Amino acid sequence: MAIRNAAQGILADERSEQREEIVAMLTKGYWMELETVMNYIANSVNPDGVRAQEIIESLKTDVQEELGHAQQFADRIKELYGVVPGSSGFTAEQTFLQPPAHQTDIVHVIRGVIEAETGAIEYYNALIEATEEIDPVTNDMVIAILRDEEGHRRLFEGFLREYEAEGLA
């Protein structure tokens, strides 16, 4: 029995160009999540001080969530006939989330997390817009991931406000 391609939707033959564009966007999201995982691990291990503990615990939890996002992106890339890249395709971009020079500089970490989450929110909104009419499965997946990112950002904005109120930021 011959394999029949989908007659409609993002898997249809006539949608191959759009599918490739979505795969490219998903691949960027995949790299963003993996880079965030690397930086959140570093920033959940390196900080020192009593005040750092809540940030450390939050980042440790976020590592698992961000890794789950990367896995979702990878699975969707494969479902759309793409190839999930290996590490040779990775280029680091998150200069703002590198560990601070002083391990007690928790404000640097908080601001870096807010910047990372803001970048993800902006990018995922663009991905949602790009898939709105042509790929409801990817669209729904990214909407759910966006909700997580907005929650992360909001939590770290609260941490920053607390440090600002105490004159520490």
Protein backbone atom coordinates (compact mmCIF):
# COMPACT_ATOMS: atom_id res chain seq x y z
CA MET A 1 0.00 0.00 0.00
CA ALA A 2 1.40 3.40 -0.98
CA ILE A 3 1.82 6.11 1.62
CA ARG A 4 -0.57 8.94 1.03
CA ASN A 5 0.35 12.51 2.02
CA ALA A 6 -2.12 14.76 3.77
CA ALA A 7 -4.44 16.54 1.37
CA GLN A 8 -4.75 19.61 3.56
CA GLY A 9 -3.11 21.33 6.49
CA ILE A 10 0.56 21.96 7.15
CA LEU A 11 1.53 18.41 6.11
CA ALA A 12 0.09 18.81 2.59
CA ASP A 13 2.60 18.76 -0.26
CA GLU A 14 1.69 22.29 -1.39
CA ARG A 15 2.55 23.59 2.10
CA SER A 16 6.16 22.36 2.04
CA GLU A 17 7.62 25.88 1.82
CA GLN A 18 5.53 27.13 4.73
CA ARG A 19 6.38 23.97 6.65
CA GLU A 20 10.11 24.61 6.15
CA GLU A 21 9.70 28.18 7.43
CA ILE A 22 7.93 26.91 10.54
CA VAL A 23 10.60 24.26 11.10
CA ALA A 24 13.25 27.01 10.92
CA MET A 25 11.34 29.05 13.50
CA LEU A 26 10.88 26.01 15.73
CA THR A 27 14.59 25.28 15.45
CA LYS A 28 15.41 28.77 16.69
CA GLY A 29 13.00 28.27 19.60
CA TYR A 30 14.66 24.93 20.33
CA TRP A 31 18.10 26.61 20.53
CA MET A 32 16.73 29.43 22.69
CA GLU A 33 15.34 26.93 25.19
CA LEU A 34 18.54 24.87 25.31
CA GLU A 35 20.69 27.96 25.82
CA THR A 36 18.36 29.07 28.60
CA VAL A 37 18.73 25.65 30.23
CA MET A 38 22.53 25.97 30.17
CA ASN A 39 22.44 29.45 31.66
CA TYR A 40 19.79 28.64 34.26
CA ILE A 41 21.87 25.67 35.43
CA ALA A 42 24.94 27.91 35.81
CA ASN A 43 22.91 30.61 37.56
CA SER A 44 21.25 28.07 39.87
CA VAL A 45 24.61 26.71 41.03
CA ASN A 46 27.00 29.69 41.13
CA PRO A 47 25.24 32.25 43.38
CA ASP A 48 26.24 32.64 47.01
CA GLY A 49 24.40 34.10 49.96
CA VAL A 50 21.22 33.64 51.94
CA ARG A 51 19.24 35.93 49.64
CA ALA A 52 20.20 33.79 46.64
CA GLN A 53 18.37 30.68 47.80
CA GLU A 54 14.91 31.57 46.48
CA ILE A 55 16.38 32.50 43.09
CA ILE A 56 18.41 29.27 43.00
CA GLU A 57 15.35 27.14 43.77
CA SER A 58 13.23 28.94 41.20
CA LEU A 59 15.87 28.49 38.49
CA LYS A 60 16.29 24.80 39.32
CA THR A 61 12.55 24.34 38.78
CA ASP A 62 12.63 26.42 35.60
CA VAL A 63 15.46 24.30 34.14
CA GLN A 64 13.13 21.31 33.97
CA GLU A 65 10.33 23.35 32.42
CA GLU A 66 12.62 24.93 29.80
CA LEU A 67 14.07 21.51 28.97
CA GLY A 68 10.51 20.28 28.46
CA HIS A 69 9.91 23.18 26.06
CA ALA A 70 13.03 22.24 24.08
CA GLN A 71 11.75 18.66 23.86
CA GLN A 72 8.37 19.87 22.60
CA PHE A 73 10.07 21.97 19.93
CA ALA A 74 12.21 19.00 18.92
CA ASP A 75 9.21 16.68 18.68
CA ARG A 76 7.30 19.19 16.54
CA ILE A 77 10.30 19.71 14.24
CA LYS A 78 10.35 15.96 13.61
CA GLU A 79 6.57 15.81 13.08
CA LEU A 80 6.89 18.49 10.40
CA TYR A 81 9.54 16.42 8.55
CA GLY A 82 12.41 18.51 9.86
CA VAL A 83 15.63 17.30 11.42
CA VAL A 84 16.44 18.22 15.00
CA PRO A 85 19.97 19.64 14.91
CA GLY A 86 22.95 18.49 16.95
CA SER A 87 25.23 20.75 18.93
CA SER A 88 27.36 21.83 15.96
CA GLY A 89 24.50 24.07 14.84
CA PHE A 90 24.39 25.96 18.13
CA THR A 91 25.51 29.58 18.49
CA ALA A 92 25.26 31.21 21.90
CA GLU A 93 23.39 34.54 22.06
CA GLN A 94 22.44 35.12 25.71
CA THR A 95 25.28 37.41 26.78
CA PHE A 96 22.95 39.03 29.33
CA LEU A 97 22.47 35.74 31.20
CA GLN A 98 26.11 34.86 31.76
CA PRO A 99 27.08 34.35 35.40
CA PRO A 100 28.00 37.62 37.14
CA ALA A 101 31.55 38.53 38.11
CA HIS A 102 30.55 38.38 41.80
CA GLN A 103 28.60 35.35 42.94
CA THR A 104 26.54 37.48 45.32
CA ASP A 105 25.26 39.70 42.48
CA ILE A 106 21.76 38.22 42.45
CA VAL A 107 20.25 41.29 40.77
CA HIS A 108 22.38 40.56 37.68
CA VAL A 109 20.88 37.06 37.55
CA ILE A 110 17.34 38.35 38.02
CA ARG A 111 17.73 40.95 35.26
CA GLY A 112 19.24 38.29 32.96
CA VAL A 113 16.28 35.98 33.52
CA ILE A 114 13.83 38.81 32.80
CA GLU A 115 15.70 39.58 29.56
CA ALA A 116 15.71 35.91 28.51
CA GLU A 117 12.01 35.52 29.22
CA THR A 118 11.20 38.78 27.41
CA GLY A 119 13.10 37.55 24.33
CA ALA A 120 11.24 34.25 24.43
CA ILE A 121 7.88 36.00 24.81
CA GLU A 122 8.57 38.26 21.83
CA TYR A 123 9.79 35.39 19.67
CA TYR A 124 6.96 33.04 20.60
CA ASN A 125 4.38 35.72 19.83
CA ALA A 126 5.91 35.98 16.34
CA LEU A 127 5.79 32.19 16.00
CA ILE A 128 2.15 32.16 17.09
CA GLU A 129 1.36 34.81 14.50
CA ALA A 130 3.22 32.87 11.78
CA THR A 131 1.28 29.67 12.48
CA GLU A 132 -2.12 31.25 13.19
CA GLU A 133 -3.91 30.24 9.99
CA ILE A 134 -1.77 27.37 8.72
CA ASP A 135 -0.60 25.18 11.61
CA PRO A 136 -3.00 24.96 14.56
CA VAL A 137 -1.00 22.21 16.28
CA THR A 138 2.20 24.24 16.45
CA ASN A 139 0.14 27.32 17.29
CA ASP A 140 -1.50 25.62 20.30
CA MET A 141 1.82 24.21 21.50
CA VAL A 142 3.56 27.59 21.36
CA ILE A 143 0.64 29.33 23.08
CA ALA A 144 1.02 26.92 26.02
CA ILE A 145 4.78 27.50 26.13
CA LEU A 146 4.22 31.27 25.96
CA ARG A 147 2.05 31.06 29.07
CA ASP A 148 4.92 29.42 30.97
CA GLU A 149 7.38 32.07 29.82
CA GLU A 150 5.05 34.89 30.85
CA GLY A 151 4.73 33.29 34.29
CA HIS A 152 8.51 33.02 34.65
CA ARG A 153 8.97 36.66 33.67
CA ARG A 154 6.29 37.83 36.09
CA LEU A 155 7.88 35.90 38.96
CA PHE A 156 11.31 37.41 38.34
CA GLU A 157 9.84 40.89 37.94
CA GLY A 158 8.50 40.42 41.46
CA PHE A 159 11.95 39.42 42.71
CA LEU A 160 13.43 42.54 41.09
CA ARG A 161 10.78 44.82 42.63
CA GLU A 162 11.60 43.40 46.05
CA TYR A 163 15.31 44.08 45.59
CA GLU A 164 14.54 47.61 44.31
CA ALA A 165 12.27 48.32 47.29
CA GLU A 166 15.09 47.36 49.62
CA GLY A 167 17.59 49.51 47.74
CA LEU A 168 19.58 46.51 46.53
CA ALA A 169 19.00 47.01 42.82
